[in-house]
Amino acid sequence: GMSLLRKKGKLPFKTVSQSYELEYGTAEVELHIDAIKPGQKVIIV
């Protein structure tokens, strides 16, 4: 399966978010709270 890492505000269900630094400012990305189950092994692409 595949889950989407999206910019803040683009996913329709409950999310967890993380901000990070850009060259000039910050950005924030989100995953659905059910994108990954505890213990699952993940590859980021």
All heavy atoms as atom14 arrays in JSON, in Angstrom:
{
  "sequence": "GMSLLRKKGKLPFKTVSQSYELEYGTAEVELHIDAIKPGQKVIIV",
  "atom14_mask": [
    [1, 1, 1, 1, 0, 0, 0, 0, 0, 0, 0, 0, 0, 0],
    [1, 1, 1, 1, 1, 1, 1, 1, 0, 0, 0, 0, 0, 0],
    [1, 1, 1, 1, 1, 1, 0, 0, 0, 0, 0, 0, 0, 0],
    [1, 1, 1, 1, 1, 1, 1, 1, 0, 0, 0, 0, 0, 0],
    [1, 1, 1, 1, 1, 1, 1, 1, 0, 0, 0, 0, 0, 0],
    [1, 1, 1, 1, 1, 1, 1, 1, 1, 1, 1, 0, 0, 0],
    [1, 1, 1, 1, 1, 1, 1, 1, 1, 0, 0, 0, 0, 0],
    [1, 1, 1, 1, 1, 1, 1, 1, 1, 0, 0, 0, 0, 0],
    [1, 1, 1, 1, 0, 0, 0, 0, 0, 0, 0, 0, 0, 0],
    [1, 1, 1, 1, 1, 1, 1, 1, 1, 0, 0, 0, 0, 0],
    [1, 1, 1, 1, 1, 1, 1, 1, 0, 0, 0, 0, 0, 0],
    [1, 1, 1, 1, 1, 1, 1, 0, 0, 0, 0, 0, 0, 0],
    [1, 1, 1, 1, 1, 1, 1, 1, 1, 1, 1, 0, 0, 0],
    [1, 1, 1, 1, 1, 1, 1, 1, 1, 0, 0, 0, 0, 0],
    [1, 1, 1, 1, 1, 1, 1, 0, 0, 0, 0, 0, 0, 0],
    [1, 1, 1, 1, 1, 1, 1, 0, 0, 0, 0, 0, 0, 0],
    [1, 1, 1, 1, 1, 1, 0, 0, 0, 0, 0, 0, 0, 0],
    [1, 1, 1, 1, 1, 1, 1, 1, 1, 0, 0, 0, 0, 0],
    [1, 1, 1, 1, 1, 1, 0, 0, 0, 0, 0, 0, 0, 0],
    [1, 1, 1, 1, 1, 1, 1, 1, 1, 1, 1, 1, 0, 0],
    [1, 1, 1, 1, 1, 1, 1, 1, 1, 0, 0, 0, 0, 0],
    [1, 1, 1, 1, 1, 1, 1, 1, 0, 0, 0, 0, 0, 0],
    [1, 1, 1, 1, 1, 1, 1, 1, 1, 0, 0, 0, 0, 0],
    [1, 1, 1, 1, 1, 1, 1, 1, 1, 1, 1, 1, 0, 0],
    [1, 1, 1, 1, 0, 0, 0, 0, 0, 0, 0, 0, 0, 0],
    [1, 1, 1, 1, 1, 1, 1, 0, 0, 0, 0, 0, 0, 0],
    [1, 1, 1, 1, 1, 0, 0, 0, 0, 0, 0, 0, 0, 0],
    [1, 1, 1, 1, 1, 1, 1, 1, 1, 0, 0, 0, 0, 0],
    [1, 1, 1, 1, 1, 1, 1, 0, 0, 0, 0, 0, 0, 0],
    [1, 1, 1, 1, 1, 1, 1, 1, 1, 0, 0, 0, 0, 0],
    [1, 1, 1, 1, 1, 1, 1, 1, 0, 0, 0, 0, 0, 0],
    [1, 1, 1, 1, 1, 1, 1, 1, 1, 1, 0, 0, 0, 0],
    [1, 1, 1, 1, 1, 1, 1, 1, 0, 0, 0, 0, 0, 0],
    [1, 1, 1, 1, 1, 1, 1, 1, 0, 0, 0, 0, 0, 0],
    [1, 1, 1, 1, 1, 0, 0, 0, 0, 0, 0, 0, 0, 0],
    [1, 1, 1, 1, 1, 1, 1, 1, 0, 0, 0, 0, 0, 0],
    [1, 1, 1, 1, 1, 1, 1, 1, 1, 0, 0, 0, 0, 0],
    [1, 1, 1, 1, 1, 1, 1, 0, 0, 0, 0, 0, 0, 0],
    [1, 1, 1, 1, 0, 0, 0, 0, 0, 0, 0, 0, 0, 0],
    [1, 1, 1, 1, 1, 1, 1, 1, 1, 0, 0, 0, 0, 0],
    [1, 1, 1, 1, 1, 1, 1, 1, 1, 0, 0, 0, 0, 0],
    [1, 1, 1, 1, 1, 1, 1, 0, 0, 0, 0, 0, 0, 0],
    [1, 1, 1, 1, 1, 1, 1, 1, 0, 0, 0, 0, 0, 0],
    [1, 1, 1, 1, 1, 1, 1, 1, 0, 0, 0, 0, 0, 0],
    [1, 1, 1, 1, 1, 1, 1, 0, 0, 0, 0, 0, 0, 0]
  ],
  "atom14_positions": [
    [[0.83, -1.2, 0.0], [0.0, 0.0, 0.0], [0.87, 1.25, 0.0], [2.07, 1.2, 0.26], [0.0, 0.0, 0.0], [0.0, 0.0, 0.0], [0.0, 0.0, 0.0], [0.0, 0.0, 0.0], [0.0, 0.0, 0.0], [0.0, 0.0, 0.0], [0.0, 0.0, 0.0], [0.0, 0.0, 0.0], [0.0, 0.0, 0.0], [0.0, 0.0, 0.0]],
    [[0.23, 2.37, -0.29], [0.94, 3.64, -0.32], [0.1, 4.69, 0.41], [-1.12, 4.74, 0.25], [1.18, 4.11, -1.75], [2.03, 5.37, -1.83], [2.26, 5.94, -3.52], [0.96, 7.15, -3.64], [0.0, 0.0, 0.0], [0.0, 0.0, 0.0], [0.0, 0.0, 0.0], [0.0, 0.0, 0.0], [0.0, 0.0, 0.0], [0.0, 0.0, 0.0]],
    [[0.77, 5.51, 1.19], [0.11, 6.64, 1.84], [0.76, 7.93, 1.37], [1.94, 7.95, 0.99], [0.22, 6.52, 3.36], [-0.56, 5.44, 3.82], [0.0, 0.0, 0.0], [0.0, 0.0, 0.0], [0.0, 0.0, 0.0], [0.0, 0.0, 0.0], [0.0, 0.0, 0.0], [0.0, 0.0, 0.0], [0.0, 0.0, 0.0], [0.0, 0.0, 0.0]],
    [[-0.01, 9.0, 1.4], [0.43, 10.28, 0.86], [0.91, 11.22, 1.95], [0.18, 11.48, 2.92], [-0.72, 10.95, 0.11], [-1.4, 10.12, -0.98], [-2.55, 10.91, -1.59], [-0.41, 9.68, -2.03], [0.0, 0.0, 0.0], [0.0, 0.0, 0.0], [0.0, 0.0, 0.0], [0.0, 0.0, 0.0], [0.0, 0.0, 0.0], [0.0, 0.0, 0.0]],
    [[2.1, 11.76, 1.78], [2.6, 12.85, 2.59], [2.25, 14.13, 1.84], [2.72, 14.34, 0.72], [4.13, 12.74, 2.75], [4.77, 13.86, 3.57], [4.49, 13.64, 5.06], [6.28, 13.9, 3.31], [0.0, 0.0, 0.0], [0.0, 0.0, 0.0], [0.0, 0.0, 0.0], [0.0, 0.0, 0.0], [0.0, 0.0, 0.0], [0.0, 0.0, 0.0]],
    [[1.38, 14.95, 2.46], [0.87, 16.13, 1.77], [1.17, 17.39, 2.55], [1.41, 17.36, 3.76], [-0.65, 16.05, 1.58], [-1.16, 14.83, 0.87], [-1.47, 14.92, -0.59], [-1.55, 16.16, -1.26], [-2.63, 16.63, -1.9], [-3.77, 15.97, -1.85], [-2.58, 17.75, -2.57], [0.0, 0.0, 0.0], [0.0, 0.0, 0.0], [0.0, 0.0, 0.0]],
    [[1.09, 18.52, 1.86], [1.17, 19.82, 2.51], [-0.03, 19.99, 3.42], [-1.1, 19.43, 3.17], [1.22, 20.92, 1.46], [2.47, 20.87, 0.62], [2.46, 21.9, -0.49], [3.73, 21.78, -1.29], [3.52, 21.78, -2.71], [0.0, 0.0, 0.0], [0.0, 0.0, 0.0], [0.0, 0.0, 0.0], [0.0, 0.0, 0.0], [0.0, 0.0, 0.0]],
    [[0.15, 20.77, 4.47], [-0.91, 20.98, 5.45], [-2.2, 21.44, 4.79], [-2.21, 22.26, 3.89], [-0.47, 22.02, 6.49], [-1.48, 22.18, 7.61], [-0.91, 23.02, 8.74], [-1.92, 23.22, 9.83], [-2.37, 22.02, 10.5], [0.0, 0.0, 0.0], [0.0, 0.0, 0.0], [0.0, 0.0, 0.0], [0.0, 0.0, 0.0], [0.0, 0.0, 0.0]],
    [[-3.31, 20.83, 5.23], [-4.62, 21.22, 4.75], [-5.11, 20.51, 3.5], [-6.2, 20.81, 3.01], [0.0, 0.0, 0.0], [0.0, 0.0, 0.0], [0.0, 0.0, 0.0], [0.0, 0.0, 0.0], [0.0, 0.0, 0.0], [0.0, 0.0, 0.0], [0.0, 0.0, 0.0], [0.0, 0.0, 0.0], [0.0, 0.0, 0.0], [0.0, 0.0, 0.0]],
    [[-4.34, 19.57, 2.98], [-4.71, 18.9, 1.73], [-5.34, 17.52, 1.94], [-5.91, 16.97, 1.02], [-3.48, 18.74, 0.82], [-2.84, 20.03, 0.42], [-3.71, 20.81, -0.51], [-2.99, 22.05, -1.01], [-3.83, 22.82, -1.91], [0.0, 0.0, 0.0], [0.0, 0.0, 0.0], [0.0, 0.0, 0.0], [0.0, 0.0, 0.0], [0.0, 0.0, 0.0]],
    [[-5.22, 16.95, 3.13], [-5.78, 15.63, 3.4], [-7.14, 15.77, 4.07], [-7.3, 16.58, 4.97], [-4.83, 14.81, 4.28], [-3.53, 14.39, 3.61], [-2.56, 13.78, 4.61], [-3.8, 13.4, 2.48], [0.0, 0.0, 0.0], [0.0, 0.0, 0.0], [0.0, 0.0, 0.0], [0.0, 0.0, 0.0], [0.0, 0.0, 0.0], [0.0, 0.0, 0.0]],
    [[-8.13, 14.95, 3.69], [-9.5, 15.15, 4.16], [-9.83, 14.54, 5.53], [-10.83, 14.93, 6.14], [-10.33, 14.44, 3.08], [-9.43, 13.36, 2.57], [-8.05, 13.95, 2.62], [0.0, 0.0, 0.0], [0.0, 0.0, 0.0], [0.0, 0.0, 0.0], [0.0, 0.0, 0.0], [0.0, 0.0, 0.0], [0.0, 0.0, 0.0], [0.0, 0.0, 0.0]],
    [[-9.01, 13.62, 6.02], [-9.31, 12.93, 7.27], [-8.42, 13.48, 8.38], [-7.62, 14.39, 8.16], [-9.09, 11.42, 7.07], [-9.54, 10.54, 8.2], [-10.86, 10.52, 8.6], [-8.63, 9.74, 8.86], [-11.28, 9.71, 9.64], [-9.03, 8.91, 9.89], [-10.35, 8.9, 10.29], [0.0, 0.0, 0.0], [0.0, 0.0, 0.0], [0.0, 0.0, 0.0]],
    [[-8.55, 12.97, 9.58], [-7.72, 13.39, 10.71], [-6.26, 13.14, 10.39], [-5.9, 12.1, 9.83], [-8.11, 12.64, 11.98], [-9.51, 12.93, 12.45], [-9.86, 12.05, 13.63], [-11.34, 12.18, 13.94], [-11.77, 11.15, 14.9], [0.0, 0.0, 0.0], [0.0, 0.0, 0.0], [0.0, 0.0, 0.0], [0.0, 0.0, 0.0], [0.0, 0.0, 0.0]],
    [[-5.42, 14.09, 10.78], [-4.0, 14.03, 10.42], [-3.09, 14.26, 11.62], [-3.52, 14.76, 12.65], [-3.66, 15.09, 9.36], [-3.91, 16.39, 9.91], [-4.44, 14.9, 8.08], [0.0, 0.0, 0.0], [0.0, 0.0, 0.0], [0.0, 0.0, 0.0], [0.0, 0.0, 0.0], [0.0, 0.0, 0.0], [0.0, 0.0, 0.0], [0.0, 0.0, 0.0]],
    [[-1.82, 13.9, 11.43], [-0.72, 14.35, 12.28], [0.14, 15.23, 11.38], [0.24, 14.99, 10.18], [0.1, 13.2, 12.88], [-0.71, 12.45, 13.91], [0.62, 12.26, 11.81], [0.0, 0.0, 0.0], [0.0, 0.0, 0.0], [0.0, 0.0, 0.0], [0.0, 0.0, 0.0], [0.0, 0.0, 0.0], [0.0, 0.0, 0.0], [0.0, 0.0, 0.0]],
    [[0.73, 16.26, 11.97], [1.5, 17.19, 11.14], [2.88, 17.43, 11.76], [3.1, 17.21, 12.94], [0.75, 18.51, 10.96], [0.6, 19.16, 12.19], [0.0, 0.0, 0.0], [0.0, 0.0, 0.0], [0.0, 0.0, 0.0], [0.0, 0.0, 0.0], [0.0, 0.0, 0.0], [0.0, 0.0, 0.0], [0.0, 0.0, 0.0], [0.0, 0.0, 0.0]],
    [[3.77, 17.89, 10.89], [5.14, 18.19, 11.3], [5.62, 19.38, 10.49], [5.52, 19.38, 9.27], [6.05, 16.98, 11.03], [7.49, 17.17, 11.42], [7.66, 17.26, 12.92], [7.09, 16.5, 13.68], [8.44, 18.24, 13.37], [0.0, 0.0, 0.0], [0.0, 0.0, 0.0], [0.0, 0.0, 0.0], [0.0, 0.0, 0.0], [0.0, 0.0, 0.0]],
    [[6.13, 20.39, 11.19], [6.69, 21.54, 10.49], [8.19, 21.34, 10.31], [8.82, 20.55, 11.02], [6.4, 22.85, 11.22], [7.0, 22.83, 12.49], [0.0, 0.0, 0.0], [0.0, 0.0, 0.0], [0.0, 0.0, 0.0], [0.0, 0.0, 0.0], [0.0, 0.0, 0.0], [0.0, 0.0, 0.0], [0.0, 0.0, 0.0], [0.0, 0.0, 0.0]],
    [[8.75, 22.04, 9.35], [10.18, 21.96, 9.09], [10.65, 23.28, 8.49], [9.85, 24.06, 7.96], [10.55, 20.77, 8.21], [9.96, 20.78, 6.82], [10.7, 21.2, 5.72], [8.65, 20.35, 6.59], [10.16, 21.21, 4.45], [8.11, 20.34, 5.32], [8.86, 20.77, 4.26], [8.33, 20.77, 3.0], [0.0, 0.0, 0.0], [0.0, 0.0, 0.0]],
    [[11.95, 23.52, 8.58], [12.54, 24.77, 8.12], [12.82, 24.73, 6.62], [13.31, 23.74, 6.1], [13.86, 25.04, 8.84], [13.74, 25.22, 10.34], [12.97, 26.46, 10.74], [13.17, 27.52, 10.09], [12.17, 26.38, 11.68], [0.0, 0.0, 0.0], [0.0, 0.0, 0.0], [0.0, 0.0, 0.0], [0.0, 0.0, 0.0], [0.0, 0.0, 0.0]],
    [[12.5, 25.83, 5.98], [12.87, 26.05, 4.58], [13.99, 27.09, 4.57], [14.34, 27.66, 5.6], [11.68, 26.59, 3.79], [10.48, 25.67, 3.67], [9.29, 26.43, 3.11], [10.81, 24.5, 2.78], [0.0, 0.0, 0.0], [0.0, 0.0, 0.0], [0.0, 0.0, 0.0], [0.0, 0.0, 0.0], [0.0, 0.0, 0.0], [0.0, 0.0, 0.0]],
    [[14.52, 27.35, 3.39], [15.58, 28.36, 3.28], [15.09, 29.7, 3.81], [15.8, 30.4, 4.51], [16.02, 28.48, 1.82], [17.27, 29.31, 1.65], [17.8, 29.29, 0.23], [17.27, 28.52, -0.61], [18.74, 30.04, -0.04], [0.0, 0.0, 0.0], [0.0, 0.0, 0.0], [0.0, 0.0, 0.0], [0.0, 0.0, 0.0], [0.0, 0.0, 0.0]],
    [[13.83, 30.05, 3.49], [13.24, 31.29, 3.96], [11.88, 31.0, 4.56], [10.87, 31.11, 3.88], [13.09, 32.31, 2.81], [14.4, 32.66, 2.15], [14.75, 32.11, 0.93], [15.3, 33.51, 2.77], [15.95, 32.41, 0.33], [16.51, 33.82, 2.18], [16.82, 33.27, 0.96], [18.02, 33.58, 0.38], [0.0, 0.0, 0.0], [0.0, 0.0, 0.0]],
    [[11.83, 30.55, 5.8], [10.55, 30.3, 6.46], [10.38, 28.85, 6.85], [11.35, 28.11, 7.01], [0.0, 0.0, 0.0], [0.0, 0.0, 0.0], [0.0, 0.0, 0.0], [0.0, 0.0, 0.0], [0.0, 0.0, 0.0], [0.0, 0.0, 0.0], [0.0, 0.0, 0.0], [0.0, 0.0, 0.0], [0.0, 0.0, 0.0], [0.0, 0.0, 0.0]],
    [[9.11, 28.46, 6.99], [8.81, 27.09, 7.39], [7.7, 26.53, 6.5], [6.99, 27.27, 5.83], [8.33, 27.02, 8.86], [7.14, 27.79, 9.0], [9.39, 27.5, 9.83], [0.0, 0.0, 0.0], [0.0, 0.0, 0.0], [0.0, 0.0, 0.0], [0.0, 0.0, 0.0], [0.0, 0.0, 0.0], [0.0, 0.0, 0.0], [0.0, 0.0, 0.0]],
    [[7.57, 25.23, 6.54], [6.49, 24.53, 5.85], [5.98, 23.45, 6.79], [6.6, 23.15, 7.82], [6.98, 23.93, 4.54], [0.0, 0.0, 0.0], [0.0, 0.0, 0.0], [0.0, 0.0, 0.0], [0.0, 0.0, 0.0], [0.0, 0.0, 0.0], [0.0, 0.0, 0.0], [0.0, 0.0, 0.0], [0.0, 0.0, 0.0], [0.0, 0.0, 0.0]],
    [[4.85, 22.85, 6.44], [4.27, 21.82, 7.28], [3.69, 20.73, 6.38], [3.05, 21.02, 5.37], [3.18, 22.42, 8.17], [2.8, 21.58, 9.34], [1.96, 22.35, 10.37], [1.86, 23.59, 10.27], [1.42, 21.69, 11.25], [0.0, 0.0, 0.0], [0.0, 0.0, 0.0], [0.0, 0.0, 0.0], [0.0, 0.0, 0.0], [0.0, 0.0, 0.0]],
    [[3.93, 19.47, 6.77], [3.4, 18.33, 6.03], [2.57, 17.47, 6.97], [2.72, 17.55, 8.19], [4.52, 17.49, 5.37], [5.16, 18.24, 4.21], [5.56, 17.05, 6.38], [0.0, 0.0, 0.0], [0.0, 0.0, 0.0], [0.0, 0.0, 0.0], [0.0, 0.0, 0.0], [0.0, 0.0, 0.0], [0.0, 0.0, 0.0], [0.0, 0.0, 0.0]],
    [[1.7, 16.66, 6.36], [0.78, 15.84, 7.15], [0.66, 14.44, 6.57], [0.86, 14.23, 5.38], [-0.62, 16.46, 7.15], [-0.71, 17.81, 7.8], [-2.11, 18.39, 7.76], [-2.81, 18.23, 6.74], [-2.51, 18.99, 8.77], [0.0, 0.0, 0.0], [0.0, 0.0, 0.0], [0.0, 0.0, 0.0], [0.0, 0.0, 0.0], [0.0, 0.0, 0.0]],
    [[0.27, 13.52, 7.46], [-0.16, 12.17, 7.09], [-1.5, 11.93, 7.77], [-1.76, 12.47, 8.85], [0.82, 11.12, 7.62], [2.15, 10.92, 6.93], [3.02, 9.96, 7.74], [1.96, 10.4, 5.51], [0.0, 0.0, 0.0], [0.0, 0.0, 0.0], [0.0, 0.0, 0.0], [0.0, 0.0, 0.0], [0.0, 0.0, 0.0], [0.0, 0.0, 0.0]],
    [[-2.34, 11.12, 7.16], [-3.55, 10.67, 7.86], [-3.13, 9.88, 9.1], [-2.11, 9.18, 9.07], [-4.4, 9.77, 6.97], [-5.26, 10.52, 6.02], [-5.48, 10.1, 4.73], [-5.99, 11.65, 6.16], [-6.29, 10.95, 4.11], [-6.62, 11.9, 4.96], [0.0, 0.0, 0.0], [0.0, 0.0, 0.0], [0.0, 0.0, 0.0], [0.0, 0.0, 0.0]],
    [[-3.93, 9.96, 10.16], [-3.58, 9.26, 11.39], [-3.58, 7.74, 11.21], [-2.94, 7.04, 12.0], [-4.5, 9.66, 12.57], [-5.96, 9.32, 12.26], [-4.32, 11.11, 12.92], [-6.89, 9.43, 13.45], [0.0, 0.0, 0.0], [0.0, 0.0, 0.0], [0.0, 0.0, 0.0], [0.0, 0.0, 0.0], [0.0, 0.0, 0.0], [0.0, 0.0, 0.0]],
    [[-4.25, 7.24, 10.19], [-4.28, 5.8, 9.94], [-3.39, 5.39, 8.75], [-3.51, 4.29, 8.23], [-5.71, 5.32, 9.73], [-6.4, 5.98, 8.55], [-5.81, 6.89, 7.91], [-7.55, 5.6, 8.25], [0.0, 0.0, 0.0], [0.0, 0.0, 0.0], [0.0, 0.0, 0.0], [0.0, 0.0, 0.0], [0.0, 0.0, 0.0], [0.0, 0.0, 0.0]],
    [[-2.47, 6.27, 8.36], [-1.59, 5.99, 7.22], [-0.64, 4.84, 7.53], [-0.23, 4.1, 6.63], [-0.79, 7.23, 6.84], [0.0, 0.0, 0.0], [0.0, 0.0, 0.0], [0.0, 0.0, 0.0], [0.0, 0.0, 0.0], [0.0, 0.0, 0.0], [0.0, 0.0, 0.0], [0.0, 0.0, 0.0], [0.0, 0.0, 0.0], [0.0, 0.0, 0.0]],
    [[-0.3, 4.7, 8.8], [0.65, 3.68, 9.24], [0.13, 3.09, 10.54], [-0.3, 3.84, 11.43], [2.04, 4.3, 9.48], [2.58, 4.9, 8.2], [3.01, 3.27, 10.05], [3.59, 5.96, 8.43], [0.0, 0.0, 0.0], [0.0, 0.0, 0.0], [0.0, 0.0, 0.0], [0.0, 0.0, 0.0], [0.0, 0.0, 0.0], [0.0, 0.0, 0.0]],
    [[0.21, 1.79, 10.63], [-0.15, 1.11, 11.89], [1.12, 0.92, 12.71], [2.21, 0.73, 12.14], [-0.8, -0.23, 11.58], [-2.14, -0.11, 10.88], [-2.65, -1.47, 10.45], [-3.95, -1.35, 9.68], [-3.87, -0.64, 8.44], [0.0, 0.0, 0.0], [0.0, 0.0, 0.0], [0.0, 0.0, 0.0], [0.0, 0.0, 0.0], [0.0, 0.0, 0.0]],
    [[1.03, 0.98, 14.03], [2.21, 0.77, 14.86], [2.95, -0.52, 14.48], [2.33, -1.55, 14.25], [1.64, 0.69, 16.28], [0.39, 1.5, 16.21], [-0.17, 1.24, 14.83], [0.0, 0.0, 0.0], [0.0, 0.0, 0.0], [0.0, 0.0, 0.0], [0.0, 0.0, 0.0], [0.0, 0.0, 0.0], [0.0, 0.0, 0.0], [0.0, 0.0, 0.0]],
    [[4.26, -0.39, 14.36], [5.1, -1.53, 14.03], [5.35, -1.73, 12.55], [6.21, -2.53, 12.17], [0.0, 0.0, 0.0], [0.0, 0.0, 0.0], [0.0, 0.0, 0.0], [0.0, 0.0, 0.0], [0.0, 0.0, 0.0], [0.0, 0.0, 0.0], [0.0, 0.0, 0.0], [0.0, 0.0, 0.0], [0.0, 0.0, 0.0], [0.0, 0.0, 0.0]],
    [[4.62, -1.02, 11.69], [4.84, -1.2, 10.26], [6.18, -0.62, 9.82], [6.62, 0.41, 10.33], [3.72, -0.56, 9.45], [2.44, -1.37, 9.46], [1.42, -0.85, 8.48], [1.14, 0.35, 8.41], [0.84, -1.76, 7.7], [0.0, 0.0, 0.0], [0.0, 0.0, 0.0], [0.0, 0.0, 0.0], [0.0, 0.0, 0.0], [0.0, 0.0, 0.0]],
    [[6.79, -1.3, 8.88], [8.05, -0.85, 8.29], [7.72, -0.03, 7.04], [6.88, -0.43, 6.23], [8.92, -2.05, 7.94], [9.35, -2.84, 9.18], [10.25, -3.98, 8.78], [10.63, -4.85, 9.96], [11.16, -4.19, 11.1], [0.0, 0.0, 0.0], [0.0, 0.0, 0.0], [0.0, 0.0, 0.0], [0.0, 0.0, 0.0], [0.0, 0.0, 0.0]],
    [[8.39, 1.11, 6.91], [8.04, 2.11, 5.9], [9.24, 2.45, 5.03], [10.35, 2.61, 5.53], [7.53, 3.39, 6.59], [7.26, 4.5, 5.59], [6.29, 3.09, 7.43], [0.0, 0.0, 0.0], [0.0, 0.0, 0.0], [0.0, 0.0, 0.0], [0.0, 0.0, 0.0], [0.0, 0.0, 0.0], [0.0, 0.0, 0.0], [0.0, 0.0, 0.0]],
    [[8.98, 2.59, 3.74], [9.94, 3.18, 2.81], [9.36, 4.53, 2.36], [8.21, 4.6, 1.96], [10.21, 2.27, 1.6], [11.01, 1.06, 2.05], [10.94, 3.03, 0.5], [11.38, 0.1, 0.94], [0.0, 0.0, 0.0], [0.0, 0.0, 0.0], [0.0, 0.0, 0.0], [0.0, 0.0, 0.0], [0.0, 0.0, 0.0], [0.0, 0.0, 0.0]],
    [[10.17, 5.57, 2.47], [9.77, 6.9, 2.01], [10.35, 7.12, 0.62], [11.54, 6.88, 0.4], [10.25, 7.99, 2.98], [9.61, 7.78, 4.37], [9.93, 9.39, 2.44], [10.15, 8.69, 5.45], [0.0, 0.0, 0.0], [0.0, 0.0, 0.0], [0.0, 0.0, 0.0], [0.0, 0.0, 0.0], [0.0, 0.0, 0.0], [0.0, 0.0, 0.0]],
    [[9.5, 7.57, -0.31], [9.91, 7.77, -1.7], [9.65, 9.22, -2.1], [8.58, 9.77, -1.84], [9.13, 6.83, -2.65], [9.44, 7.13, -4.11], [9.42, 5.37, -2.32], [0.0, 0.0, 0.0], [0.0, 0.0, 0.0], [0.0, 0.0, 0.0], [0.0, 0.0, 0.0], [0.0, 0.0, 0.0], [0.0, 0.0, 0.0], [0.0, 0.0, 0.0]]
  ]
}
